[in-house]
Amino acid sequence: MNLQTKIKIKSESKNLINYKSEILLLGSCFSENIGDKLNYFKFQTLQNPFGILFHPKAIERLITNAINEKTYSGKDIFFQNERWHSFESHSDLSSNNEKIILNKLNGAISITQRKLRNVSHIVITLGTAWVYRHIESDEIVANCHKVPQKKFLKELLSVDEITQSLDAIIQLIKSVNKNVSILFTVSPIRHLKDGFIENTQSKSHLIAAIHNVIDVRKNLHYFPSYEIMMDELRDYRFYAEDMIHPNKTAINYIWEKFLESWFSNEVTSSMKEIDIIQKGLSHKPFNASSEKHKEFLSNLEQKIVEIKTKFPFINF
């Protein structure tokens, strides 16, 4: 008896991920989930340098500013609730010190610019097509930072608007890194604060727009995170307590699907070795001074040396 509808996923890319790959992850909080997995297994990754970005316009602006090497100054930030913020970044970069936030913004732009030129893979996860336009500046913001809602207009990006934004993102990236593989995905996290119908409308616009731009021949791909959650994991036992976010089981399941379809076979053994090391490093001994524990640490150190010999960039 088959109790699940399975999605068949097979990457048509010849540029599969291995330990030589460099990966940039941008977008919604689901990209953080995948990024955390990549970091755990010690892949060469940069994850959301401007913090979580939920919609394509925010990602387009980040990439535009990075390629143009924008320098942030006082006119690009504002003071709200005793902290300095930027409408272009997540609150992770906010600070109670004006100099610190500008250093964070300029540092993030600089590292994004360097990575865009050198990475082999970019994973872009879109979360929503709903955006907020700051009335005073007439600019779509990445984050409202709890500024009163009356200062914004809420808008739904059309399929055409998203398609144009994604086209701009692709052209910008390819202008500095023509061989990079760009992998789009839609976050399985439901934005129910917008409303059930509005969330479905939003996700539909994102999916339709992405499929307007993907082209295997141009290294533009789609990974069905959203469809896996909605179809293969069609049960609330795969959700966290808020009934909105995927739980650990769901994240691991989608990660395994990503691994099966987008990673070269050669990485599996190294990932297993790194997993053993990571578990060993987090192990809490019953008796830290025992001979058995000293032997355990010696064996662990040898495993670390062997991995670092193969991949010098890895640090534990």
C-alpha atoms as a PDB file:
ATOM      1  CA  MET A   1       0.000   0.000   0.000  1.00  0.00           C
ATOM      2  CA  ASN A   2       1.385   3.381  -1.012  1.00  0.00           C
ATOM      3  CA  LEU A   3       0.497   6.049   1.557  1.00  0.00           C
ATOM      4  CA  GLN A   4       2.376   8.907  -0.086  1.00  0.00           C
ATOM      5  CA  THR A   5       2.491  10.732  -3.406  1.00  0.00           C
ATOM      6  CA  LYS A   6       6.181  10.914  -4.306  1.00  0.00           C
ATOM      7  CA  ILE A   7       7.759  13.713  -6.299  1.00  0.00           C
ATOM      8  CA  LYS A   8      10.374  12.500  -8.735  1.00  0.00           C
ATOM      9  CA  ILE A   9      13.378  14.809  -8.603  1.00  0.00           C
ATOM     10  CA  LYS A  10      16.359  14.499 -10.874  1.00  0.00           C
ATOM     11  CA  SER A  11      18.820  17.294 -11.429  1.00  0.00           C
ATOM     12  CA  GLU A  12      19.655  17.837 -15.085  1.00  0.00           C
ATOM     13  CA  SER A  13      22.650  19.955 -14.146  1.00  0.00           C
ATOM     14  CA  LYS A  14      26.177  18.786 -14.878  1.00  0.00           C
ATOM     15  CA  ASN A  15      27.377  21.171 -12.180  1.00  0.00           C
ATOM     16  CA  LEU A  16      26.546  19.113  -9.082  1.00  0.00           C
ATOM     17  CA  ILE A  17      27.664  20.222  -5.623  1.00  0.00           C
ATOM     18  CA  ASN A  18      30.846  18.788  -4.117  1.00  0.00           C
ATOM     19  CA  TYR A  19      33.437  19.973  -1.594  1.00  0.00           C
ATOM     20  CA  LYS A  20      35.109  22.164  -4.195  1.00  0.00           C
ATOM     21  CA  SER A  21      31.850  24.048  -4.739  1.00  0.00           C
ATOM     22  CA  GLU A  22      31.249  27.481  -3.268  1.00  0.00           C
ATOM     23  CA  ILE A  23      27.611  28.206  -2.451  1.00  0.00           C
ATOM     24  CA  LEU A  24      25.721  31.441  -1.799  1.00  0.00           C
ATOM     25  CA  LEU A  25      22.266  31.173  -0.211  1.00  0.00           C
ATOM     26  CA  LEU A  26      19.835  34.085  -0.367  1.00  0.00           C
ATOM     27  CA  GLY A  27      16.212  34.508   0.597  1.00  0.00           C
ATOM     28  CA  SER A  28      13.611  33.443   3.106  1.00  0.00           C
ATOM     29  CA  CYS A  29      14.168  31.669   6.408  1.00  0.00           C
ATOM     30  CA  PHE A  30      13.976  28.250   4.714  1.00  0.00           C
ATOM     31  CA  SER A  31      17.301  29.051   3.057  1.00  0.00           C
ATOM     32  CA  GLU A  32      18.641  29.266   6.631  1.00  0.00           C
ATOM     33  CA  ASN A  33      17.520  25.681   7.248  1.00  0.00           C
ATOM     34  CA  ILE A  34      19.384  24.394   4.191  1.00  0.00           C
ATOM     35  CA  GLY A  35      22.319  26.699   4.912  1.00  0.00           C
ATOM     36  CA  ASP A  36      22.623  25.306   8.437  1.00  0.00           C
ATOM     37  CA  LYS A  37      22.854  21.788   7.005  1.00  0.00           C
ATOM     38  CA  LEU A  38      25.551  22.849   4.545  1.00  0.00           C
ATOM     39  CA  ASN A  39      27.473  24.546   7.352  1.00  0.00           C
ATOM     40  CA  TYR A  40      27.197  21.475   9.568  1.00  0.00           C
ATOM     41  CA  PHE A  41      28.766  19.343   6.828  1.00  0.00           C
ATOM     42  CA  LYS A  42      31.438  22.010   6.275  1.00  0.00           C
ATOM     43  CA  PHE A  43      30.653  23.028   2.707  1.00  0.00           C
ATOM     44  CA  GLN A  44      31.975  26.397   1.544  1.00  0.00           C
ATOM     45  CA  THR A  45      28.907  28.581   2.011  1.00  0.00           C
ATOM     46  CA  LEU A  46      27.805  32.149   2.603  1.00  0.00           C
ATOM     47  CA  GLN A  47      24.299  32.406   4.003  1.00  0.00           C
ATOM     48  CA  ASN A  48      22.088  35.526   3.813  1.00  0.00           C
ATOM     49  CA  PRO A  49      24.708  38.253   4.382  1.00  0.00           C
ATOM     50  CA  PHE A  50      21.886  40.829   4.652  1.00  0.00           C
ATOM     51  CA  GLY A  51      19.796  38.519   6.820  1.00  0.00           C
ATOM     52  CA  ILE A  52      16.549  36.884   5.775  1.00  0.00           C
ATOM     53  CA  LEU A  53      15.030  38.455   2.648  1.00  0.00           C
ATOM     54  CA  PHE A  54      11.474  37.354   1.950  1.00  0.00           C
ATOM     55  CA  HIS A  55      10.667  38.625  -1.534  1.00  0.00           C
ATOM     56  CA  PRO A  56      12.424  38.917  -4.931  1.00  0.00           C
ATOM     57  CA  LYS A  57      12.619  42.724  -4.943  1.00  0.00           C
ATOM     58  CA  ALA A  58      14.742  42.698  -1.782  1.00  0.00           C
ATOM     59  CA  ILE A  59      17.097  40.115  -3.285  1.00  0.00           C
ATOM     60  CA  GLU A  60      17.307  42.076  -6.544  1.00  0.00           C
ATOM     61  CA  ARG A  61      18.279  45.223  -4.633  1.00  0.00           C
ATOM     62  CA  LEU A  62      20.965  43.403  -2.636  1.00  0.00           C
ATOM     63  CA  ILE A  63      22.533  41.937  -5.773  1.00  0.00           C
ATOM     64  CA  THR A  64      22.339  45.296  -7.606  1.00  0.00           C
ATOM     65  CA  ASN A  65      24.003  47.111  -4.720  1.00  0.00           C
ATOM     66  CA  ALA A  66      26.661  44.423  -4.311  1.00  0.00           C
ATOM     67  CA  ILE A  67      27.663  44.440  -7.966  1.00  0.00           C
ATOM     68  CA  ASN A  68      27.676  48.255  -7.980  1.00  0.00           C
ATOM     69  CA  GLU A  69      29.738  48.187  -4.755  1.00  0.00           C
ATOM     70  CA  LYS A  70      27.404  50.537  -2.916  1.00  0.00           C
ATOM     71  CA  THR A  71      28.757  52.309   0.162  1.00  0.00           C
ATOM     72  CA  TYR A  72      26.181  52.797   2.917  1.00  0.00           C
ATOM     73  CA  SER A  73      26.077  56.101   4.778  1.00  0.00           C
ATOM     74  CA  GLY A  74      23.846  57.872   7.274  1.00  0.00           C
ATOM     75  CA  LYS A  75      21.170  58.599   4.663  1.00  0.00           C
ATOM     76  CA  ASP A  76      20.592  54.830   4.236  1.00  0.00           C
ATOM     77  CA  ILE A  77      19.661  54.120   7.867  1.00  0.00           C
ATOM     78  CA  PHE A  78      17.077  55.370  10.387  1.00  0.00           C
ATOM     79  CA  PHE A  79      16.510  55.296  14.144  1.00  0.00           C
ATOM     80  CA  GLN A  80      13.487  53.401  15.481  1.00  0.00           C
ATOM     81  CA  ASN A  81      12.783  51.885  18.904  1.00  0.00           C
ATOM     82  CA  GLU A  82      16.250  52.784  20.192  1.00  0.00           C
ATOM     83  CA  ARG A  83      18.060  51.009  17.345  1.00  0.00           C
ATOM     84  CA  TRP A  84      19.462  51.897  13.926  1.00  0.00           C
ATOM     85  CA  HIS A  85      17.983  50.004  10.988  1.00  0.00           C
ATOM     86  CA  SER A  86      18.139  49.767   7.213  1.00  0.00           C
ATOM     87  CA  PHE A  87      15.025  49.159   5.128  1.00  0.00           C
ATOM     88  CA  GLU A  88      17.230  47.007   2.874  1.00  0.00           C
ATOM     89  CA  SER A  89      18.309  44.477   5.503  1.00  0.00           C
ATOM     90  CA  HIS A  90      16.952  42.188   8.194  1.00  0.00           C
ATOM     91  CA  SER A  91      17.024  43.276  11.848  1.00  0.00           C
ATOM     92  CA  ASP A  92      19.981  40.898  12.363  1.00  0.00           C
ATOM     93  CA  LEU A  93      22.140  43.757  11.064  1.00  0.00           C
ATOM     94  CA  SER A  94      20.450  46.439  13.188  1.00  0.00           C
ATOM     95  CA  SER A  95      22.372  48.027  16.046  1.00  0.00           C
ATOM     96  CA  ASN A  96      22.084  50.618  18.798  1.00  0.00           C
ATOM     97  CA  ASN A  97      25.255  52.176  17.361  1.00  0.00           C
ATOM     98  CA  GLU A  98      25.193  54.077  14.052  1.00  0.00           C
ATOM     99  CA  LYS A  99      28.803  53.258  13.189  1.00  0.00           C
ATOM    100  CA  ILE A 100      28.342  49.544  13.886  1.00  0.00           C
ATOM    101  CA  ILE A 101      25.341  49.132  11.585  1.00  0.00           C
ATOM    102  CA  LEU A 102      27.120  50.969   8.756  1.00  0.00           C
ATOM    103  CA  ASN A 103      30.155  48.712   9.208  1.00  0.00           C
ATOM    104  CA  LYS A 104      27.875  45.664   9.110  1.00  0.00           C
ATOM    105  CA  LEU A 105      26.073  46.834   5.967  1.00  0.00           C
ATOM    106  CA  ASN A 106      29.247  47.747   4.102  1.00  0.00           C
ATOM    107  CA  GLY A 107      30.982  44.545   5.194  1.00  0.00           C
ATOM    108  CA  ALA A 108      28.012  42.464   4.028  1.00  0.00           C
ATOM    109  CA  ILE A 109      27.902  44.266   0.662  1.00  0.00           C
ATOM    110  CA  SER A 110      31.633  43.708   0.179  1.00  0.00           C
ATOM    111  CA  ILE A 111      31.550  39.979   0.914  1.00  0.00           C
ATOM    112  CA  THR A 112      28.414  39.533  -1.245  1.00  0.00           C
ATOM    113  CA  GLN A 113      30.156  41.259  -4.146  1.00  0.00           C
ATOM    114  CA  ARG A 114      33.183  38.956  -3.857  1.00  0.00           C
ATOM    115  CA  LYS A 115      31.064  35.824  -3.550  1.00  0.00           C
ATOM    116  CA  LEU A 116      28.862  36.667  -6.529  1.00  0.00           C
ATOM    117  CA  ARG A 117      31.961  36.666  -8.726  1.00  0.00           C
ATOM    118  CA  ASN A 118      33.389  33.393  -7.432  1.00  0.00           C
ATOM    119  CA  VAL A 119      30.654  31.004  -6.311  1.00  0.00           C
ATOM    120  CA  SER A 120      29.712  27.918  -8.299  1.00  0.00           C
ATOM    121  CA  HIS A 121      26.105  27.761  -7.029  1.00  0.00           C
ATOM    122  CA  ILE A 122      23.545  30.309  -5.855  1.00  0.00           C
ATOM    123  CA  VAL A 123      20.403  29.066  -4.099  1.00  0.00           C
ATOM    124  CA  ILE A 124      17.593  31.638  -4.021  1.00  0.00           C
ATOM    125  CA  THR A 125      14.561  30.848  -1.867  1.00  0.00           C
ATOM    126  CA  LEU A 126      11.515  33.066  -2.337  1.00  0.00           C
ATOM    127  CA  GLY A 127       9.075  33.339   0.552  1.00  0.00           C
ATOM    128  CA  THR A 128       6.308  35.707  -0.484  1.00  0.00           C
ATOM    129  CA  ALA A 129       5.019  37.931  -3.277  1.00  0.00           C
ATOM    130  CA  TRP A 130       3.524  40.376  -0.757  1.00  0.00           C
ATOM    131  CA  VAL A 131       5.625  43.497  -0.274  1.00  0.00           C
ATOM    132  CA  TYR A 132       5.448  46.750   1.697  1.00  0.00           C
ATOM    133  CA  ARG A 133       6.069  50.089  -0.014  1.00  0.00           C
ATOM    134  CA  HIS A 134       7.333  52.912   2.193  1.00  0.00           C
ATOM    135  CA  ILE A 135       4.999  55.795   1.381  1.00  0.00           C
ATOM    136  CA  GLU A 136       7.475  58.602   2.068  1.00  0.00           C
ATOM    137  CA  SER A 137      10.263  57.204  -0.149  1.00  0.00           C
ATOM    138  CA  ASP A 138       8.027  55.217  -2.560  1.00  0.00           C
ATOM    139  CA  GLU A 139      10.470  52.291  -2.140  1.00  0.00           C
ATOM    140  CA  ILE A 140       9.640  48.631  -1.529  1.00  0.00           C
ATOM    141  CA  VAL A 141      11.384  47.616   1.681  1.00  0.00           C
ATOM    142  CA  ALA A 142      13.002  44.333   2.675  1.00  0.00           C
ATOM    143  CA  ASN A 143      11.894  44.685   6.296  1.00  0.00           C
ATOM    144  CA  CYS A 144       9.559  47.120   8.067  1.00  0.00           C
ATOM    145  CA  HIS A 145      11.407  46.950  11.423  1.00  0.00           C
ATOM    146  CA  LYS A 146       8.158  47.543  13.336  1.00  0.00           C
ATOM    147  CA  VAL A 147       7.716  50.997  11.845  1.00  0.00           C
ATOM    148  CA  PRO A 148       3.944  51.800  12.112  1.00  0.00           C
ATOM    149  CA  GLN A 149       1.987  50.087   9.331  1.00  0.00           C
ATOM    150  CA  LYS A 150       0.278  53.360   8.337  1.00  0.00           C
ATOM    151  CA  LYS A 151       3.614  54.406   6.810  1.00  0.00           C
ATOM    152  CA  PHE A 152       3.434  51.583   4.221  1.00  0.00           C
ATOM    153  CA  LEU A 153       1.251  50.371   1.395  1.00  0.00           C
ATOM    154  CA  LYS A 154       0.862  46.594   1.114  1.00  0.00           C
ATOM    155  CA  GLU A 155       1.070  45.268  -2.456  1.00  0.00           C
ATOM    156  CA  LEU A 156       1.006  41.894  -4.181  1.00  0.00           C
ATOM    157  CA  LEU A 157       3.672  41.571  -6.874  1.00  0.00           C
ATOM    158  CA  SER A 158       2.187  40.275 -10.113  1.00  0.00           C
ATOM    159  CA  VAL A 159       3.647  37.304 -11.978  1.00  0.00           C
ATOM    160  CA  ASP A 160       5.050  39.714 -14.584  1.00  0.00           C
ATOM    161  CA  GLU A 161       6.659  41.915 -11.924  1.00  0.00           C
ATOM    162  CA  ILE A 162       8.304  38.915 -10.260  1.00  0.00           C
ATOM    163  CA  THR A 163       9.432  37.547 -13.628  1.00  0.00           C
ATOM    164  CA  GLN A 164      11.052  40.902 -14.449  1.00  0.00           C
ATOM    165  CA  SER A 165      12.749  40.964 -11.053  1.00  0.00           C
ATOM    166  CA  LEU A 166      14.089  37.421 -11.475  1.00  0.00           C
ATOM    167  CA  ASP A 167      15.297  38.255 -14.994  1.00  0.00           C
ATOM    168  CA  ALA A 168      17.162  41.235 -13.559  1.00  0.00           C
ATOM    169  CA  ILE A 169      18.683  39.062 -10.820  1.00  0.00           C
ATOM    170  CA  ILE A 170      19.852  36.498 -13.377  1.00  0.00           C
ATOM    171  CA  GLN A 171      21.309  39.100 -15.749  1.00  0.00           C
ATOM    172  CA  LEU A 172      23.141  40.854 -12.924  1.00  0.00           C
ATOM    173  CA  ILE A 173      24.656  37.639 -11.596  1.00  0.00           C
ATOM    174  CA  LYS A 174      25.606  36.342 -15.038  1.00  0.00           C
ATOM    175  CA  SER A 175      27.285  39.668 -15.856  1.00  0.00           C
ATOM    176  CA  VAL A 176      29.962  38.892 -13.251  1.00  0.00           C
ATOM    177  CA  ASN A 177      29.808  35.063 -13.122  1.00  0.00           C
ATOM    178  CA  LYS A 178      28.570  33.551 -16.372  1.00  0.00           C
ATOM    179  CA  ASN A 179      29.125  29.892 -15.403  1.00  0.00           C
ATOM    180  CA  VAL A 180      27.324  29.908 -12.055  1.00  0.00           C
ATOM    181  CA  SER A 181      24.354  27.569 -11.494  1.00  0.00           C
ATOM    182  CA  ILE A 182      21.329  29.372 -10.042  1.00  0.00           C
ATOM    183  CA  LEU A 183      18.832  27.225  -8.185  1.00  0.00           C
ATOM    184  CA  PHE A 184      15.434  28.730  -7.339  1.00  0.00           C
ATOM    185  CA  THR A 185      13.089  27.319  -4.759  1.00  0.00           C
ATOM    186  CA  VAL A 186       9.931  28.470  -2.967  1.00  0.00           C
ATOM    187  CA  SER A 187       9.808  28.353   0.805  1.00  0.00           C
ATOM    188  CA  PRO A 188       7.345  25.799   2.215  1.00  0.00           C
ATOM    189  CA  ILE A 189       6.656  28.141   5.131  1.00  0.00           C
ATOM    190  CA  ARG A 190       3.127  29.533   4.888  1.00  0.00           C
ATOM    191  CA  HIS A 191       2.701  33.264   5.482  1.00  0.00           C
ATOM    192  CA  LEU A 192      -0.696  32.977   7.134  1.00  0.00           C
ATOM    193  CA  LYS A 193      -0.570  36.485   8.598  1.00  0.00           C
ATOM    194  CA  ASP A 194      -1.406  37.568   5.054  1.00  0.00           C
ATOM    195  CA  GLY A 195      -4.390  35.198   5.055  1.00  0.00           C
ATOM    196  CA  PHE A 196      -4.904  31.647   3.765  1.00  0.00           C
ATOM    197  CA  ILE A 197      -6.166  32.696   0.342  1.00  0.00           C
ATOM    198  CA  GLU A 198      -3.573  35.457   0.090  1.00  0.00           C
ATOM    199  CA  ASN A 199      -0.761  33.008   0.926  1.00  0.00           C
ATOM    200  CA  THR A 200      -1.874  30.651  -1.834  1.00  0.00           C
ATOM    201  CA  GLN A 201      -2.080  33.545  -4.261  1.00  0.00           C
ATOM    202  CA  SER A 202       1.411  34.684  -3.256  1.00  0.00           C
ATOM    203  CA  LYS A 203       3.038  31.260  -3.618  1.00  0.00           C
ATOM    204  CA  SER A 204       1.291  30.777  -6.978  1.00  0.00           C
ATOM    205  CA  HIS A 205       2.732  34.029  -8.300  1.00  0.00           C
ATOM    206  CA  LEU A 206       6.237  33.039  -7.168  1.00  0.00           C
ATOM    207  CA  ILE A 207       6.056  29.564  -8.714  1.00  0.00           C
ATOM    208  CA  ALA A 208       4.620  30.825 -12.005  1.00  0.00           C
ATOM    209  CA  ALA A 209       7.311  33.515 -12.288  1.00  0.00           C
ATOM    210  CA  ILE A 210      10.155  31.127 -11.490  1.00  0.00           C
ATOM    211  CA  HIS A 211       8.977  28.771 -14.215  1.00  0.00           C
ATOM    212  CA  ASN A 212       9.034  31.691 -16.636  1.00  0.00           C
ATOM    213  CA  VAL A 213      12.794  32.041 -16.172  1.00  0.00           C
ATOM    214  CA  ILE A 214      14.267  28.599 -15.460  1.00  0.00           C
ATOM    215  CA  ASP A 215      16.261  27.081 -18.294  1.00  0.00           C
ATOM    216  CA  VAL A 216      18.506  24.048 -17.773  1.00  0.00           C
ATOM    217  CA  ARG A 217      20.639  25.051 -20.773  1.00  0.00           C
ATOM    218  CA  LYS A 218      21.468  28.328 -19.005  1.00  0.00           C
ATOM    219  CA  ASN A 219      22.108  26.673 -15.612  1.00  0.00           C
ATOM    220  CA  LEU A 220      18.828  28.040 -14.201  1.00  0.00           C
ATOM    221  CA  HIS A 221      17.042  25.398 -12.143  1.00  0.00           C
ATOM    222  CA  TYR A 222      14.121  24.769  -9.784  1.00  0.00           C
ATOM    223  CA  PHE A 223      14.049  22.618  -6.653  1.00  0.00           C
ATOM    224  CA  PRO A 224      10.521  21.780  -5.410  1.00  0.00           C
ATOM    225  CA  SER A 225      10.811  22.442  -1.648  1.00  0.00           C
ATOM    226  CA  TYR A 226       7.269  23.798  -1.540  1.00  0.00           C
ATOM    227  CA  GLU A 227       5.802  20.873  -3.481  1.00  0.00           C
ATOM    228  CA  ILE A 228       7.577  18.302  -1.292  1.00  0.00           C
ATOM    229  CA  MET A 229       6.038  19.878   1.811  1.00  0.00           C
ATOM    230  CA  MET A 230       2.568  20.243   0.304  1.00  0.00           C
ATOM    231  CA  ASP A 231       2.380  16.814  -1.357  1.00  0.00           C
ATOM    232  CA  GLU A 232       4.819  14.299   0.109  1.00  0.00           C
ATOM    233  CA  LEU A 233       4.532  15.673   3.654  1.00  0.00           C
ATOM    234  CA  ARG A 234       0.808  16.368   3.566  1.00  0.00           C
ATOM    235  CA  ASP A 235       0.248  16.014   7.311  1.00  0.00           C
ATOM    236  CA  TYR A 236       0.423  18.347  10.316  1.00  0.00           C
ATOM    237  CA  ARG A 237       2.813  15.993  12.082  1.00  0.00           C
ATOM    238  CA  PHE A 238       5.499  17.481   9.816  1.00  0.00           C
ATOM    239  CA  TYR A 239       4.880  20.991  11.144  1.00  0.00           C
ATOM    240  CA  ALA A 240       6.257  22.772  14.212  1.00  0.00           C
ATOM    241  CA  GLU A 241       3.938  23.734  17.060  1.00  0.00           C
ATOM    242  CA  ASP A 242       2.888  26.925  15.255  1.00  0.00           C
ATOM    243  CA  MET A 243       1.440  24.750  12.444  1.00  0.00           C
ATOM    244  CA  ILE A 244       3.188  27.025   9.940  1.00  0.00           C
ATOM    245  CA  HIS A 245       6.903  26.165   9.885  1.00  0.00           C
ATOM    246  CA  PRO A 246       8.239  22.735   8.845  1.00  0.00           C
ATOM    247  CA  ASN A 247       9.530  20.812  11.852  1.00  0.00           C
ATOM    248  CA  LYS A 248      12.913  19.117  12.151  1.00  0.00           C
ATOM    249  CA  THR A 249      11.657  15.922  10.503  1.00  0.00           C
ATOM    250  CA  ALA A 250      10.335  17.819   7.485  1.00  0.00           C
ATOM    251  CA  ILE A 251      13.521  19.881   7.149  1.00  0.00           C
ATOM    252  CA  ASN A 252      15.630  16.698   7.263  1.00  0.00           C
ATOM    253  CA  TYR A 253      13.378  15.039   4.682  1.00  0.00           C
ATOM    254  CA  ILE A 254      13.627  17.963   2.236  1.00  0.00           C
ATOM    255  CA  TRP A 255      17.381  18.161   2.870  1.00  0.00           C
ATOM    256  CA  GLU A 256      17.739  14.476   1.930  1.00  0.00           C
ATOM    257  CA  LYS A 257      15.832  15.111  -1.296  1.00  0.00           C
ATOM    258  CA  PHE A 258      18.123  18.041  -2.040  1.00  0.00           C
ATOM    259  CA  LEU A 259      21.148  15.874  -1.287  1.00  0.00           C
ATOM    260  CA  GLU A 260      19.958  13.061  -3.574  1.00  0.00           C
ATOM    261  CA  SER A 261      19.313  15.347  -6.535  1.00  0.00           C
ATOM    262  CA  TRP A 262      21.986  18.037  -6.285  1.00  0.00           C
ATOM    263  CA  PHE A 263      25.099  16.498  -4.728  1.00  0.00           C
ATOM    264  CA  SER A 264      27.699  14.386  -6.495  1.00  0.00           C
ATOM    265  CA  ASN A 265      28.159  10.813  -5.265  1.00  0.00           C
ATOM    266  CA  GLU A 266      31.740  11.498  -4.239  1.00  0.00           C
ATOM    267  CA  VAL A 267      30.728  13.725  -1.301  1.00  0.00           C
ATOM    268  CA  THR A 268      28.785  11.064   0.632  1.00  0.00           C
ATOM    269  CA  SER A 269      31.727   9.381   2.336  1.00  0.00           C
ATOM    270  CA  SER A 270      33.260  12.723   3.356  1.00  0.00           C
ATOM    271  CA  MET A 271      29.932  13.888   4.771  1.00  0.00           C
ATOM    272  CA  LYS A 272      29.727  10.735   6.888  1.00  0.00           C
ATOM    273  CA  GLU A 273      33.250  11.352   8.215  1.00  0.00           C
ATOM    274  CA  ILE A 274      32.395  14.957   9.052  1.00  0.00           C
ATOM    275  CA  ASP A 275      29.176  13.878  10.746  1.00  0.00           C
ATOM    276  CA  ILE A 276      31.167  11.517  13.002  1.00  0.00           C
ATOM    277  CA  ILE A 277      33.578  14.354  13.881  1.00  0.00           C
ATOM    278  CA  GLN A 278      30.760  16.815  14.588  1.00  0.00           C
ATOM    279  CA  LYS A 279      29.023  14.331  16.899  1.00  0.00           C
ATOM    280  CA  GLY A 280      32.347  13.580  18.555  1.00  0.00           C
ATOM    281  CA  LEU A 281      33.017  17.271  19.190  1.00  0.00           C
ATOM    282  CA  SER A 282      29.590  17.708  20.803  1.00  0.00           C
ATOM    283  CA  HIS A 283      30.026  14.599  22.977  1.00  0.00           C
ATOM    284  CA  LYS A 284      30.005  15.277  26.728  1.00  0.00           C
ATOM    285  CA  PRO A 285      32.220  12.741  28.554  1.00  0.00           C
ATOM    286  CA  PHE A 286      31.202  11.126  31.821  1.00  0.00           C
ATOM    287  CA  ASN A 287      34.825  11.210  32.961  1.00  0.00           C
ATOM    288  CA  ALA A 288      36.980  13.694  31.036  1.00  0.00           C
ATOM    289  CA  SER A 289      40.213  12.474  32.657  1.00  0.00           C
ATOM    290  CA  SER A 290      39.728   8.787  31.895  1.00  0.00           C
ATOM    291  CA  GLU A 291      42.108   6.897  29.581  1.00  0.00           C
ATOM    292  CA  LYS A 292      39.160   5.858  27.453  1.00  0.00           C
ATOM    293  CA  HIS A 293      38.172   9.482  26.861  1.00  0.00           C
ATOM    294  CA  LYS A 294      41.781  10.456  26.082  1.00  0.00           C
ATOM    295  CA  GLU A 295      41.880   7.677  23.481  1.00  0.00           C
ATOM    296  CA  PHE A 296      38.561   8.922  22.080  1.00  0.00           C
ATOM    297  CA  LEU A 297      39.992  12.459  21.722  1.00  0.00           C
ATOM    298  CA  SER A 298      43.140  11.136  20.057  1.00  0.00           C
ATOM    299  CA  ASN A 299      41.099   9.187  17.489  1.00  0.00           C
ATOM    300  CA  LEU A 300      38.899  12.242  16.915  1.00  0.00           C
ATOM    301  CA  GLU A 301      41.919  14.465  16.336  1.00  0.00           C
ATOM    302  CA  GLN A 302      43.270  11.968  13.796  1.00  0.00           C
ATOM    303  CA  LYS A 303      39.950  12.061  11.909  1.00  0.00           C
ATOM    304  CA  ILE A 304      40.091  15.870  11.865  1.00  0.00           C
ATOM    305  CA  VAL A 305      43.658  15.806  10.494  1.00  0.00           C
ATOM    306  CA  GLU A 306      42.604  13.395   7.737  1.00  0.00           C
ATOM    307  CA  ILE A 307      39.648  15.567   6.692  1.00  0.00           C
ATOM    308  CA  LYS A 308      41.715  18.762   6.748  1.00  0.00           C
ATOM    309  CA  THR A 309      44.354  17.053   4.607  1.00  0.00           C
ATOM    310  CA  LYS A 310      41.685  16.449   1.963  1.00  0.00           C
ATOM    311  CA  PHE A 311      39.946  19.779   2.432  1.00  0.00           C
ATOM    312  CA  PRO A 312      42.288  22.425   3.931  1.00  0.00           C
ATOM    313  CA  PHE A 313      39.537  25.062   4.080  1.00  0.00           C
ATOM    314  CA  ILE A 314      37.563  23.083   6.696  1.00  0.00           C
ATOM    315  CA  ASN A 315      37.747  24.221  10.312  1.00  0.00           C
ATOM    316  CA  PHE A 316      36.048  22.651  13.306  1.00  0.00           C
END
